[in-house]
Amino acid sequence: MTSPIILAVDTPDIELAKRWISATRNSIDIFKLGLEFYLSHGYEGIAAIQRETGAEIFLDLKLHDIPHTVSKAASVVASLKPRFLTVHASGGAAMIAGAVSAVSSTSITAVTILTSLSQEDLTEIGFQGTALSAAQGLAAVAVKAGATSIVCSPHEIAGIRQRVGDAVTIITPGVRPADENSGDDQKRTMTPTEAISLGANFLVIGRPITSRWADGPATMAERAAEILASIQR
């Protein structure tokens, strides 16, 4: 059974990324590599991580451009066969369909509303209605266009699950263990157990685990195992 935790490997240091992955492999199967890592190391950096660690990759590029450009960008990384590749749902149906057409064994994963945005932020940039209604609408458009996974705040899990059904994978960042102070830019958060109980399939967790690296690989591994155990109780 695949672990529900996706570790956010948020570092441009490729050697450190490999060490983080190695330290947590007993509790985690999928690892998120984002834009900073990709801009630092490119296609070959992702391939090196896969080759040297055997890890499955959540490639978090959040592609957002005209459909042709997104399709071409997705085709560049298609041969890496990441487990997930993110695009912005707000790019629209044609853009999402373009990404879907460019890959064969990767789940195109549509990001709805960023967890760093509050309701006030959404109103300010022109979204009408609530974060939930906006996320539901974006998720519905994305799934109709062929996306098979959705990224959303934990507060939108239940509403999106109701809208898109059980076959779609829901992935949520903005997850913090109950004993962890956030101290970052995530505004709409929830505990891992709560998020899973609402219908999330995977939880993206970074700093609550990676911050323990300073105390050594064993401490980081223990923290990952603790969080996994709390979900599985």
Protein backbone atom coordinates (compact mmCIF):
# COMPACT_ATOMS: atom_id res chain seq x y z
CA MET A 1 0.00 0.00 0.00
CA THR A 2 1.35 3.42 -0.96
CA SER A 3 1.90 5.84 1.91
CA PRO A 4 -0.58 8.76 1.94
CA ILE A 5 2.27 11.19 2.69
CA ILE A 6 4.00 13.02 -0.15
CA LEU A 7 7.16 14.66 1.15
CA ALA A 8 7.72 18.19 -0.13
CA VAL A 9 11.41 18.16 -1.03
CA ASP A 10 11.67 21.93 -1.13
CA THR A 11 15.37 22.47 -1.69
CA PRO A 12 17.49 23.31 -4.74
CA ASP A 13 20.32 21.18 -3.29
CA ILE A 14 20.23 17.89 -5.18
CA GLU A 15 22.44 16.03 -2.72
CA LEU A 16 20.32 17.18 0.21
CA ALA A 17 17.20 16.12 -1.67
CA LYS A 18 18.63 12.63 -2.08
CA ARG A 19 19.44 12.44 1.63
CA TRP A 20 15.95 13.55 2.64
CA ILE A 21 14.42 10.91 0.39
CA SER A 22 16.73 8.21 1.72
CA ALA A 23 15.97 9.14 5.33
CA THR A 24 12.18 8.86 4.92
CA ARG A 25 11.77 5.96 2.49
CA ASN A 26 10.42 3.64 5.21
CA SER A 27 7.39 5.91 5.65
CA ILE A 28 7.03 7.72 2.32
CA ASP A 29 6.85 6.53 -1.30
CA ILE A 30 6.20 9.72 -3.30
CA PHE A 31 8.31 12.87 -3.20
CA LYS A 32 7.41 16.33 -4.46
CA LEU A 33 9.98 18.19 -6.52
CA GLY A 34 8.94 21.71 -7.41
CA LEU A 35 9.78 24.65 -9.60
CA GLU A 36 12.88 25.71 -7.65
CA PHE A 37 14.43 22.26 -7.98
CA TYR A 38 13.48 21.96 -11.65
CA LEU A 39 14.90 25.38 -12.54
CA SER A 40 18.10 24.47 -10.70
CA HIS A 41 18.63 20.99 -12.19
CA GLY A 42 16.16 20.50 -15.04
CA TYR A 43 15.17 17.23 -16.64
CA GLU A 44 18.46 15.57 -15.75
CA GLY A 45 18.08 16.47 -12.08
CA ILE A 46 14.70 14.78 -11.88
CA ALA A 47 16.08 11.76 -13.73
CA ALA A 48 19.03 11.56 -11.33
CA ILE A 49 16.72 11.56 -8.32
CA GLN A 50 14.65 8.76 -9.85
CA ARG A 51 17.68 6.73 -10.89
CA GLU A 52 19.56 7.03 -7.60
CA THR A 53 16.66 6.73 -5.14
CA GLY A 54 13.97 4.78 -6.98
CA ALA A 55 11.42 7.26 -5.65
CA GLU A 56 8.14 8.10 -7.31
CA ILE A 57 7.91 11.78 -8.16
CA PHE A 58 5.19 14.39 -7.75
CA LEU A 59 6.46 16.96 -10.27
CA ASP A 60 4.99 20.24 -9.07
CA LEU A 61 5.55 22.66 -11.95
CA LYS A 62 2.04 24.19 -11.93
CA LEU A 63 2.05 24.71 -15.68
CA HIS A 64 -0.14 27.62 -16.79
CA ASP A 65 0.03 28.99 -20.33
CA ILE A 66 -1.74 28.67 -23.66
CA PRO A 67 -2.76 25.08 -24.48
CA HIS A 68 -0.04 24.52 -27.11
CA THR A 69 2.73 25.69 -24.80
CA VAL A 70 1.51 23.58 -21.88
CA SER A 71 1.17 20.52 -24.10
CA LYS A 72 4.74 20.96 -25.34
CA ALA A 73 6.04 21.55 -21.80
CA ALA A 74 4.29 18.41 -20.52
CA SER A 75 5.73 16.41 -23.40
CA VAL A 76 9.26 17.41 -22.34
CA VAL A 77 8.88 15.63 -19.00
CA ALA A 78 6.58 12.84 -20.19
CA SER A 79 9.42 10.35 -20.56
CA LEU A 80 10.33 10.86 -16.89
CA LYS A 81 6.93 9.32 -16.08
CA PRO A 82 6.35 11.24 -12.84
CA ARG A 83 3.44 9.88 -10.82
CA PHE A 84 1.82 13.35 -10.85
CA LEU A 85 2.38 16.54 -12.88
CA THR A 86 0.63 19.71 -11.78
CA VAL A 87 -1.09 22.32 -13.92
CA HIS A 88 -3.23 25.26 -12.83
CA ALA A 89 -6.92 24.45 -13.19
CA SER A 90 -7.54 28.13 -13.90
CA GLY A 91 -5.78 27.65 -17.24
CA GLY A 92 -9.03 26.20 -18.56
CA ALA A 93 -10.26 23.02 -20.18
CA ALA A 94 -8.26 23.26 -23.42
CA MET A 95 -5.00 23.82 -21.56
CA ILE A 96 -5.63 20.88 -19.23
CA ALA A 97 -6.61 18.65 -22.14
CA GLY A 98 -3.37 19.64 -23.86
CA ALA A 99 -1.36 18.46 -20.89
CA VAL A 100 -3.35 15.22 -20.69
CA SER A 101 -2.70 14.51 -24.38
CA ALA A 102 1.06 14.89 -23.90
CA VAL A 103 1.53 12.18 -21.26
CA SER A 104 0.69 8.50 -21.14
CA SER A 105 1.44 7.23 -17.64
CA THR A 106 1.31 10.42 -15.55
CA SER A 107 -1.69 11.76 -13.69
CA ILE A 108 -2.31 15.35 -14.76
CA THR A 109 -3.04 17.05 -11.47
CA ALA A 110 -5.05 20.25 -11.46
CA VAL A 111 -4.32 22.83 -8.77
CA THR A 112 -7.48 24.67 -7.75
CA ILE A 113 -7.00 27.49 -5.18
CA LEU A 114 -3.55 27.91 -3.63
CA THR A 115 -3.54 27.26 0.11
CA SER A 116 -1.58 30.48 0.62
CA LEU A 117 -4.67 32.49 -0.42
CA SER A 118 -7.25 33.60 2.13
CA GLN A 119 -10.86 34.46 1.29
CA GLU A 120 -9.86 38.12 1.35
CA ASP A 121 -7.07 37.44 -1.14
CA LEU A 122 -9.48 35.69 -3.50
CA THR A 123 -11.93 38.59 -3.38
CA GLU A 124 -9.13 41.05 -4.03
CA ILE A 125 -7.94 39.26 -7.17
CA GLY A 126 -11.45 38.92 -8.57
CA PHE A 127 -12.82 35.50 -7.61
CA GLN A 128 -16.54 35.56 -6.97
CA GLY A 129 -18.09 33.52 -4.18
CA THR A 130 -16.25 31.45 -1.61
CA ALA A 131 -12.98 29.56 -1.88
CA LEU A 132 -15.02 26.36 -1.79
CA SER A 133 -17.30 27.29 -4.67
CA ALA A 134 -14.37 28.48 -6.77
CA ALA A 135 -12.36 25.31 -6.05
CA GLN A 136 -15.35 23.08 -6.83
CA GLY A 137 -15.90 24.79 -10.15
CA LEU A 138 -12.24 24.58 -11.13
CA ALA A 139 -12.07 20.92 -10.12
CA ALA A 140 -15.14 20.06 -12.19
CA VAL A 141 -13.70 21.77 -15.28
CA ALA A 142 -10.36 20.02 -14.82
CA VAL A 143 -11.81 16.54 -14.41
CA LYS A 144 -14.06 16.99 -17.43
CA ALA A 145 -10.93 17.93 -19.43
CA GLY A 146 -9.15 14.74 -18.37
CA ALA A 147 -7.31 15.56 -15.14
CA THR A 148 -7.31 12.55 -12.84
CA SER A 149 -6.02 14.28 -9.71
CA ILE A 150 -6.92 17.51 -7.93
CA VAL A 151 -4.90 19.64 -5.52
CA CYS A 152 -6.96 21.64 -3.05
CA SER A 153 -6.92 23.07 0.45
CA PRO A 154 -8.02 20.60 3.13
CA HIS A 155 -11.05 22.83 3.68
CA GLU A 156 -12.31 22.07 0.17
CA ILE A 157 -11.77 18.28 0.24
CA ALA A 158 -15.31 17.23 1.11
CA GLY A 159 -16.96 19.65 -1.32
CA ILE A 160 -14.69 18.67 -4.19
CA ARG A 161 -15.08 14.96 -3.44
CA GLN A 162 -18.84 15.43 -3.62
CA ARG A 163 -18.51 17.21 -6.97
CA VAL A 164 -15.99 14.94 -8.76
CA GLY A 165 -16.68 11.52 -7.25
CA ASP A 166 -14.48 8.80 -5.79
CA ALA A 167 -12.39 7.94 -8.86
CA VAL A 168 -10.44 11.21 -8.77
CA THR A 169 -7.36 11.44 -6.54
CA ILE A 170 -7.41 14.37 -4.10
CA ILE A 171 -4.07 15.71 -2.90
CA THR A 172 -3.87 18.38 -0.25
CA PRO A 173 -1.07 20.60 0.98
CA GLY A 174 -1.70 22.88 3.95
CA VAL A 175 -1.51 19.92 6.34
CA ARG A 176 0.11 20.35 9.74
CA PRO A 177 0.34 17.90 12.67
CA ALA A 178 -1.57 19.11 15.72
CA ASP A 179 1.67 19.64 17.66
CA GLU A 180 3.27 21.76 14.93
CA ASN A 181 3.20 25.54 14.64
CA SER A 182 2.85 26.50 10.98
CA GLY A 183 5.14 29.53 10.85
CA ASP A 184 4.86 29.65 7.05
CA ASP A 185 2.66 30.96 4.24
CA GLN A 186 -0.08 28.33 4.42
CA LYS A 187 -3.33 29.95 5.60
CA ARG A 188 -6.00 27.26 5.26
CA THR A 189 -4.58 24.31 7.16
CA MET A 190 -5.76 21.12 8.87
CA THR A 191 -4.26 18.12 10.66
CA PRO A 192 -3.35 14.99 8.65
CA THR A 193 -5.97 12.86 10.35
CA GLU A 194 -8.72 15.40 9.66
CA ALA A 195 -7.74 15.72 5.99
CA ILE A 196 -7.75 11.96 5.42
CA SER A 197 -11.09 11.57 7.20
CA LEU A 198 -12.63 14.12 4.82
CA GLY A 199 -11.57 12.15 1.75
CA ALA A 200 -8.02 13.16 0.79
CA ASN A 201 -5.92 10.43 -0.80
CA PHE A 202 -2.54 12.08 -0.33
CA LEU A 203 -1.14 14.78 1.96
CA VAL A 204 1.77 17.00 0.94
CA ILE A 205 3.88 17.59 4.04
CA GLY A 206 7.22 19.37 4.06
CA ARG A 207 8.63 21.45 6.87
CA PRO A 208 7.08 19.46 9.75
CA ILE A 209 9.34 16.63 8.57
CA THR A 210 12.26 18.26 6.76
CA SER A 211 12.93 20.74 9.57
CA ARG A 212 14.02 17.74 11.69
CA TRP A 213 16.99 17.14 9.38
CA ALA A 214 19.03 19.52 11.53
CA ASP A 215 18.84 16.91 14.30
CA GLY A 216 19.96 14.12 12.00
CA PRO A 217 18.51 11.58 9.53
CA ALA A 218 17.20 9.32 12.31
CA THR A 219 15.20 12.16 13.85
CA MET A 220 13.74 13.08 10.49
CA ALA A 221 12.83 9.44 9.84
CA GLU A 222 11.17 9.19 13.25
CA ARG A 223 9.07 12.29 12.59
CA ALA A 224 7.86 10.91 9.26
CA ALA A 225 6.96 7.62 10.95
CA GLU A 226 5.12 9.44 13.76
CA ILE A 227 2.96 11.37 11.30
CA LEU A 228 2.20 8.24 9.25
CA ALA A 229 1.23 6.36 12.43
CA SER A 230 -1.10 9.19 13.48
CA ILE A 231 -2.95 8.89 10.17
CA GLN A 232 -3.23 5.12 10.32
CA ARG A 233 -4.65 4.91 13.84
